[in-house]
Structure formats: structure tokens, C-alpha cells
């Protein structure tokens, strides 16, 4: 009988051990749940010095990036400006080269007819003026215009022209020009007094 009793006792002990293991597991789960709840309930205290240091690092990084970006911008614009200065006349020269070709052809021509030579020169002159207009150069109009110091330079005052000619341009001695509406040479004129 002993053996039956031993078996029953062993079974009882196993049941008790199993129940105690389950209760231990439940207790551990309860403890873990409570720890998790306390962690979420209590906010993590951040050291103010660490927080300020992180913000300082972030702002310093942002500042350095901005300075580097600005330096790159300055270098790029300086390079572009240098290229414009170096190659800025290319457009002007390209517009003038066909006119130089026309002059060379005119010089090579052996015609002695003054009318043909004058006509050829007028054609070259018109082509040259058209090229200049394409580059933004315009002639300052002086015919029957009022004297304007922004565009004209008076080199002579002509007295006795009458009241209707007073302050008006009588004669243009040297033509003036503008480049994109900026005066590059004032027209030299005689003005009525």
C-alpha cells in the first residue's frame, strides 16, 4: 500500500508544485505590469543642462550649415560674375563680325564708281546700326527736340533764333547713344537762346 500512498502523495505534491509555479508566474506578471504602469505614470525627468546642450548643438549645426550654404552661394555668384565679365563682349563681337566682313569685301572691290561706293557704305552703315539696335544701343533723337540735360550736352548757344526756338536744339554736332535706356554718350548740340 505504500506504493499507492506514495503515488498519491507524489501526485498531490506535483499538483501543489504546479499550483505554486502558476501562482509565482502570476505574481511575476503582476509585478511586471505594476512596474510598467509606474514607468508610464512617472514622467522621465530630463536634466535641464542636457536639454539645453542638445538645443545648442542643434542650433550650432543649423548655423554652420547656413554659413556654409551662404559661402557656396558667394563663390558661385563670384564665378558667374567673372565669367560674364570675361565673356560679356562675345555677343557684341559676334554681332559686329558680319559687318567687318562687309567692309573687307568693300575694300577688295575695285569699283571706281562713287555712287556705287556711297551706296555700299550706306548699306554697311544701316546693317551696323541694326546690329547695334539688336544689342540695345539706340540713337538719341535731337531733331526739333527740347534741350534735356539728361540726354544732351550744350556746346553752343545760338542767339537771335526767335522765341519759338528758345530752349530747343538747333543743330546736333555729335550724335548721342543709349544702351538699354542708359546714356552712354550725350548728344553734343547747339541750343537756341
C-alpha atoms as a PDB file:
ATOM      1  CA  UNK A   1       0.000   0.000   0.000  1.00  0.00           C
ATOM      2  CA  UNK A   2       2.804   2.094   0.460  1.00  0.00           C
ATOM      3  CA  UNK A   3       3.312   2.367  -3.019  1.00  0.00           C
ATOM      4  CA  UNK A   4      -0.232   3.566  -3.620  1.00  0.00           C
ATOM      5  CA  UNK A   5       0.134   6.103  -0.889  1.00  0.00           C
ATOM      6  CA  UNK A   6       3.455   7.223  -2.300  1.00  0.00           C
ATOM      7  CA  UNK A   7       1.933   7.633  -5.684  1.00  0.00           C
ATOM      8  CA  UNK A   8      -0.976   9.672  -4.298  1.00  0.00           C
ATOM      9  CA  UNK A   9       1.376  11.749  -2.243  1.00  0.00           C
ATOM     10  CA  UNK A  10       3.604  12.322  -5.231  1.00  0.00           C
ATOM     11  CA  UNK A  11       0.606  13.336  -7.296  1.00  0.00           C
ATOM     12  CA  UNK A  12      -0.505  15.746  -4.581  1.00  0.00           C
ATOM     13  CA  UNK A  13       2.973  17.232  -4.361  1.00  0.00           C
ATOM     14  CA  UNK A  14       3.098  17.626  -8.107  1.00  0.00           C
ATOM     15  CA  UNK A  15      -0.294  19.390  -8.064  1.00  0.00           C
ATOM     16  CA  UNK A  16       0.915  21.687  -5.285  1.00  0.00           C
ATOM     17  CA  UNK A  17       4.162  22.398  -7.140  1.00  0.00           C
ATOM     18  CA  UNK A  18       2.245  23.135 -10.314  1.00  0.00           C
ATOM     19  CA  UNK A  19      -0.142  25.461  -8.482  1.00  0.00           C
ATOM     20  CA  UNK A  20       2.712  27.208  -6.733  1.00  0.00           C
ATOM     21  CA  UNK A  21       4.585  27.636 -10.060  1.00  0.00           C
ATOM     22  CA  UNK A  22       1.454  29.093 -11.658  1.00  0.00           C
ATOM     23  CA  UNK A  23       0.949  31.452  -8.745  1.00  0.00           C
ATOM     24  CA  UNK A  24       4.613  32.501  -8.929  1.00  0.00           C
ATOM     25  CA  UNK A  25       4.225  33.214 -12.659  1.00  0.00           C
ATOM     26  CA  UNK A  26       1.055  35.214 -11.970  1.00  0.00           C
ATOM     27  CA  UNK A  27       2.821  37.160  -9.251  1.00  0.00           C
ATOM     28  CA  UNK A  28       5.729  37.924 -11.595  1.00  0.00           C
ATOM     29  CA  UNK A  29       3.303  39.106 -14.299  1.00  0.00           C
ATOM     30  CA  UNK A  30       1.538  41.318 -11.765  1.00  0.00           C
ATOM     31  CA  UNK A  31       4.835  42.827 -10.650  1.00  0.00           C
ATOM     32  CA  UNK A  32       5.900  43.479 -14.270  1.00  0.00           C
ATOM     33  CA  UNK A  33       2.522  45.098 -15.026  1.00  0.00           C
ATOM     34  CA  UNK A  34       2.823  47.312 -11.956  1.00  0.00           C
ATOM     35  CA  UNK A  35       6.376  48.339 -12.909  1.00  0.00           C
ATOM     36  CA  UNK A  36       5.222  49.202 -16.423  1.00  0.00           C
ATOM     37  CA  UNK A  37       2.357  51.265 -15.027  1.00  0.00           C
ATOM     38  CA  UNK A  38       4.656  53.156 -12.686  1.00  0.00           C
ATOM     39  CA  UNK A  39       7.039  53.851 -15.556  1.00  0.00           C
ATOM     40  CA  UNK A  40       4.268  55.334 -17.682  1.00  0.00           C
ATOM     41  CA  UNK A  41       2.780  57.270 -14.808  1.00  0.00           C
ATOM     42  CA  UNK A  42       6.031  58.893 -13.717  1.00  0.00           C
ATOM     43  CA  UNK A  43       7.453  61.174 -16.436  1.00  0.00           C
ATOM     44  CA  UNK A  44      11.095  60.735 -17.133  1.00  0.00           C
ATOM     45  CA  UNK A  45      12.986  63.590 -15.588  1.00  0.00           C
ATOM     46  CA  UNK A  46      15.301  65.225 -18.131  1.00  0.00           C
ATOM     47  CA  UNK A  47      18.307  67.072 -16.950  1.00  0.00           C
ATOM     48  CA  UNK A  48      17.820  70.764 -17.950  1.00  0.00           C
ATOM     49  CA  UNK A  49      21.525  71.070 -18.729  1.00  0.00           C
ATOM     50  CA  UNK A  50      21.329  68.128 -21.151  1.00  0.00           C
ATOM     51  CA  UNK A  51      18.242  69.595 -22.787  1.00  0.00           C
ATOM     52  CA  UNK A  52      19.919  72.976 -23.263  1.00  0.00           C
ATOM     53  CA  UNK A  53      23.080  71.299 -24.579  1.00  0.00           C
ATOM     54  CA  UNK A  54      21.043  69.356 -27.167  1.00  0.00           C
ATOM     55  CA  UNK A  55      19.277  72.526 -28.279  1.00  0.00           C
ATOM     56  CA  UNK A  56      22.611  74.352 -28.503  1.00  0.00           C
ATOM     57  CA  UNK A  57      24.077  71.539 -30.604  1.00  0.00           C
ATOM     58  CA  UNK A  58      21.047  71.644 -32.912  1.00  0.00           C
ATOM     59  CA  UNK A  59      21.247  75.422 -33.364  1.00  0.00           C
ATOM     60  CA  UNK A  60      25.020  75.310 -33.861  1.00  0.00           C
ATOM     61  CA  UNK A  61      24.595  72.682 -36.572  1.00  0.00           C
ATOM     62  CA  UNK A  62      21.875  74.750 -38.257  1.00  0.00           C
ATOM     63  CA  UNK A  63      24.057  77.868 -38.088  1.00  0.00           C
ATOM     64  CA  UNK A  64      27.083  76.095 -39.577  1.00  0.00           C
ATOM     65  CA  UNK A  65      25.002  74.691 -42.414  1.00  0.00           C
ATOM     66  CA  UNK A  66      23.550  78.141 -43.177  1.00  0.00           C
ATOM     67  CA  UNK A  67      27.008  79.742 -43.182  1.00  0.00           C
ATOM     68  CA  UNK A  68      28.362  77.018 -45.471  1.00  0.00           C
ATOM     69  CA  UNK A  69      25.413  77.429 -47.836  1.00  0.00           C
ATOM     70  CA  UNK A  70      25.954  81.205 -47.952  1.00  0.00           C
ATOM     71  CA  UNK A  71      29.675  80.775 -48.639  1.00  0.00           C
ATOM     72  CA  UNK A  72      28.863  78.420 -51.514  1.00  0.00           C
ATOM     73  CA  UNK A  73      26.375  80.981 -52.876  1.00  0.00           C
ATOM     74  CA  UNK A  74      29.017  83.733 -52.739  1.00  0.00           C
ATOM     75  CA  UNK A  75      31.588  81.564 -54.525  1.00  0.00           C
ATOM     76  CA  UNK A  76      29.072  80.579 -57.212  1.00  0.00           C
ATOM     77  CA  UNK A  77      27.971  84.179 -57.884  1.00  0.00           C
ATOM     78  CA  UNK A  78      31.587  85.376 -57.918  1.00  0.00           C
ATOM     79  CA  UNK A  79      32.411  82.713 -60.512  1.00  0.00           C
ATOM     80  CA  UNK A  80      29.349  83.588 -62.624  1.00  0.00           C
ATOM     81  CA  UNK A  81      30.234  87.288 -62.480  1.00  0.00           C
ATOM     82  CA  UNK A  82      33.813  86.581 -63.563  1.00  0.00           C
ATOM     83  CA  UNK A  83      32.529  84.506 -66.498  1.00  0.00           C
ATOM     84  CA  UNK A  84      30.159  87.308 -67.518  1.00  0.00           C
ATOM     85  CA  UNK A  85      32.951  89.856 -67.433  1.00  0.00           C
ATOM     86  CA  UNK A  86      35.292  87.560 -69.341  1.00  0.00           C
ATOM     87  CA  UNK A  87      32.766  86.541 -71.982  1.00  0.00           C
ATOM     88  CA  UNK A  88      30.381  89.513 -71.859  1.00  0.00           C
ATOM     89  CA  UNK A  89      31.632  91.041 -75.075  1.00  0.00           C
ATOM     90  CA  UNK A  90      31.135  87.807 -77.008  1.00  0.00           C
ATOM     91  CA  UNK A  91      27.601  88.723 -78.060  1.00  0.00           C
ATOM     92  CA  UNK A  92      28.699  92.189 -79.185  1.00  0.00           C
ATOM     93  CA  UNK A  93      31.658  90.894 -81.152  1.00  0.00           C
ATOM     94  CA  UNK A  94      29.527  88.199 -82.805  1.00  0.00           C
ATOM     95  CA  UNK A  95      27.102  90.888 -83.985  1.00  0.00           C
ATOM     96  CA  UNK A  96      29.906  93.057 -85.404  1.00  0.00           C
ATOM     97  CA  UNK A  97      31.841  90.329 -87.263  1.00  0.00           C
ATOM     98  CA  UNK A  98      29.478  90.215 -90.278  1.00  0.00           C
ATOM     99  CA  UNK A  99      29.904  93.973 -90.682  1.00  0.00           C
ATOM    100  CA  UNK A 100      33.681  93.610 -90.666  1.00  0.00           C
ATOM    101  CA  UNK A 101      33.262  91.008 -93.422  1.00  0.00           C
ATOM    102  CA  UNK A 102      31.220  93.540 -95.416  1.00  0.00           C
ATOM    103  CA  UNK A 103      33.949  96.176 -95.004  1.00  0.00           C
ATOM    104  CA  UNK A 104      36.586  93.699 -96.180  1.00  0.00           C
ATOM    105  CA  UNK A 105      34.529  92.880 -99.293  1.00  0.00           C
ATOM    106  CA  UNK A 106      34.041  96.609 -99.968  1.00  0.00           C
ATOM    107  CA  UNK A 107      37.780  97.237 -99.701  1.00  0.00           C
ATOM    108  CA  UNK A 108      38.559  94.334-102.035  1.00  0.00           C
ATOM    109  CA  UNK A 109      36.144  95.689-104.649  1.00  0.00           C
ATOM    110  CA  UNK A 110      37.940  97.605-107.417  1.00  0.00           C
ATOM    111  CA  UNK A 111      34.921  99.738-108.411  1.00  0.00           C
ATOM    112  CA  UNK A 112      35.688 103.383-109.071  1.00  0.00           C
ATOM    113  CA  UNK A 113      32.070 104.467-109.342  1.00  0.00           C
ATOM    114  CA  UNK A 114      31.498 106.938-106.437  1.00  0.00           C
ATOM    115  CA  UNK A 115      27.755 106.318-106.458  1.00  0.00           C
ATOM    116  CA  UNK A 116      28.235 102.544-106.000  1.00  0.00           C
ATOM    117  CA  UNK A 117      30.806 103.116-103.236  1.00  0.00           C
ATOM    118  CA  UNK A 118      28.478 105.511-101.402  1.00  0.00           C
ATOM    119  CA  UNK A 119      25.552 103.103-101.776  1.00  0.00           C
ATOM    120  CA  UNK A 120      27.700 100.235-100.420  1.00  0.00           C
ATOM    121  CA  UNK A 121      28.805 102.327 -97.423  1.00  0.00           C
ATOM    122  CA  UNK A 122      25.185 103.268 -96.671  1.00  0.00           C
ATOM    123  CA  UNK A 123      24.167  99.591 -96.743  1.00  0.00           C
ATOM    124  CA  UNK A 124      27.009  98.677 -94.366  1.00  0.00           C
ATOM    125  CA  UNK A 125      26.105 101.598 -92.071  1.00  0.00           C
ATOM    126  CA  UNK A 126      22.424 100.532 -91.940  1.00  0.00           C
ATOM    127  CA  UNK A 127      23.440  96.957 -91.190  1.00  0.00           C
ATOM    128  CA  UNK A 128      25.768  98.182 -88.433  1.00  0.00           C
ATOM    129  CA  UNK A 129      23.051 100.356 -86.847  1.00  0.00           C
ATOM    130  CA  UNK A 130      20.601  97.445 -86.992  1.00  0.00           C
ATOM    131  CA  UNK A 131      23.142  95.215 -85.227  1.00  0.00           C
ATOM    132  CA  UNK A 132      23.675  97.855 -82.537  1.00  0.00           C
ATOM    133  CA  UNK A 133      19.915  98.175 -82.026  1.00  0.00           C
ATOM    134  CA  UNK A 134      19.796  94.401 -81.548  1.00  0.00           C
ATOM    135  CA  UNK A 135      22.329  94.838 -78.740  1.00  0.00           C
ATOM    136  CA  UNK A 136      20.208  97.560 -77.094  1.00  0.00           C
ATOM    137  CA  UNK A 137      22.049 100.628 -78.478  1.00  0.00           C
ATOM    138  CA  UNK A 138      19.777 103.440 -79.679  1.00  0.00           C
ATOM    139  CA  UNK A 139      20.450 106.851 -81.177  1.00  0.00           C
ATOM    140  CA  UNK A 140      19.308 109.843 -79.096  1.00  0.00           C
ATOM    141  CA  UNK A 141      16.792 111.840 -81.122  1.00  0.00           C
ATOM    142  CA  UNK A 142      17.684 115.542 -81.370  1.00  0.00           C
ATOM    143  CA  UNK A 143      15.622 116.756 -84.322  1.00  0.00           C
ATOM    144  CA  UNK A 144      13.182 119.507 -83.166  1.00  0.00           C
ATOM    145  CA  UNK A 145      13.573 118.304 -79.564  1.00  0.00           C
ATOM    146  CA  UNK A 146      13.617 120.324 -76.359  1.00  0.00           C
ATOM    147  CA  UNK A 147      17.034 120.577 -74.701  1.00  0.00           C
ATOM    148  CA  UNK A 148      17.271 117.953 -71.929  1.00  0.00           C
ATOM    149  CA  UNK A 149      20.389 117.753 -69.777  1.00  0.00           C
ATOM    150  CA  UNK A 150      19.764 114.033 -69.190  1.00  0.00           C
ATOM    151  CA  UNK A 151      20.410 113.304 -72.888  1.00  0.00           C
ATOM    152  CA  UNK A 152      22.049 116.396 -74.391  1.00  0.00           C
ATOM    153  CA  UNK A 153      25.194 118.414 -73.796  1.00  0.00           C
ATOM    154  CA  UNK A 154      25.067 122.031 -74.958  1.00  0.00           C
ATOM    155  CA  UNK A 155      28.295 123.064 -76.672  1.00  0.00           C
ATOM    156  CA  UNK A 156      26.943 126.302 -78.151  1.00  0.00           C
ATOM    157  CA  UNK A 157      24.122 128.790 -77.543  1.00  0.00           C
ATOM    158  CA  UNK A 158      22.714 130.355 -80.727  1.00  0.00           C
ATOM    159  CA  UNK A 159      21.211 133.836 -80.075  1.00  0.00           C
ATOM    160  CA  UNK A 160      18.504 135.561 -82.120  1.00  0.00           C
ATOM    161  CA  UNK A 161      16.630 132.459 -83.261  1.00  0.00           C
ATOM    162  CA  UNK A 162      13.244 133.706 -82.050  1.00  0.00           C
ATOM    163  CA  UNK A 163      11.011 132.680 -79.183  1.00  0.00           C
ATOM    164  CA  UNK A 164       9.802 129.502 -80.878  1.00  0.00           C
ATOM    165  CA  UNK A 165      13.412 128.149 -80.970  1.00  0.00           C
ATOM    166  CA  UNK A 166      14.325 129.206 -77.422  1.00  0.00           C
ATOM    167  CA  UNK A 167      15.440 126.156 -75.429  1.00  0.00           C
ATOM    168  CA  UNK A 168      15.199 123.908 -78.481  1.00  0.00           C
ATOM    169  CA  UNK A 169      18.008 122.067 -80.243  1.00  0.00           C
ATOM    170  CA  UNK A 170      19.136 123.894 -83.377  1.00  0.00           C
ATOM    171  CA  UNK A 171      21.907 121.572 -84.534  1.00  0.00           C
ATOM    172  CA  UNK A 172      23.441 118.242 -83.448  1.00  0.00           C
ATOM    173  CA  UNK A 173      27.236 118.263 -83.674  1.00  0.00           C
ATOM    174  CA  UNK A 174      27.823 114.745 -82.298  1.00  0.00           C
ATOM    175  CA  UNK A 175      25.163 112.050 -82.043  1.00  0.00           C
ATOM    176  CA  UNK A 176      24.456 110.595 -78.607  1.00  0.00           C
ATOM    177  CA  UNK A 177      23.568 106.978 -77.799  1.00  0.00           C
ATOM    178  CA  UNK A 178      21.821 104.982 -75.081  1.00  0.00           C
ATOM    179  CA  UNK A 179      22.414 101.373 -74.123  1.00  0.00           C
ATOM    180  CA  UNK A 180      19.293  99.763 -72.644  1.00  0.00           C
ATOM    181  CA  UNK A 181      17.913 103.229 -71.782  1.00  0.00           C
ATOM    182  CA  UNK A 182      21.149 104.331 -70.070  1.00  0.00           C
ATOM    183  CA  UNK A 183      23.040 107.182 -71.723  1.00  0.00           C
ATOM    184  CA  UNK A 184      26.464 106.024 -72.865  1.00  0.00           C
ATOM    185  CA  UNK A 185      27.243 109.248 -74.749  1.00  0.00           C
ATOM    186  CA  UNK A 186      25.386 112.545 -74.532  1.00  0.00           C
ATOM    187  CA  UNK A 187      24.451 114.229 -77.803  1.00  0.00           C
ATOM    188  CA  UNK A 188      26.520 117.404 -78.332  1.00  0.00           C
ATOM    189  CA  UNK A 189      24.133 120.072 -79.540  1.00  0.00           C
ATOM    190  CA  UNK A 190      23.700 123.781 -80.260  1.00  0.00           C
ATOM    191  CA  UNK A 191      20.714 125.285 -78.425  1.00  0.00           C
ATOM    192  CA  UNK A 192      18.609 128.298 -79.347  1.00  0.00           C
ATOM    193  CA  UNK A 193      18.757 131.250 -76.931  1.00  0.00           C
END
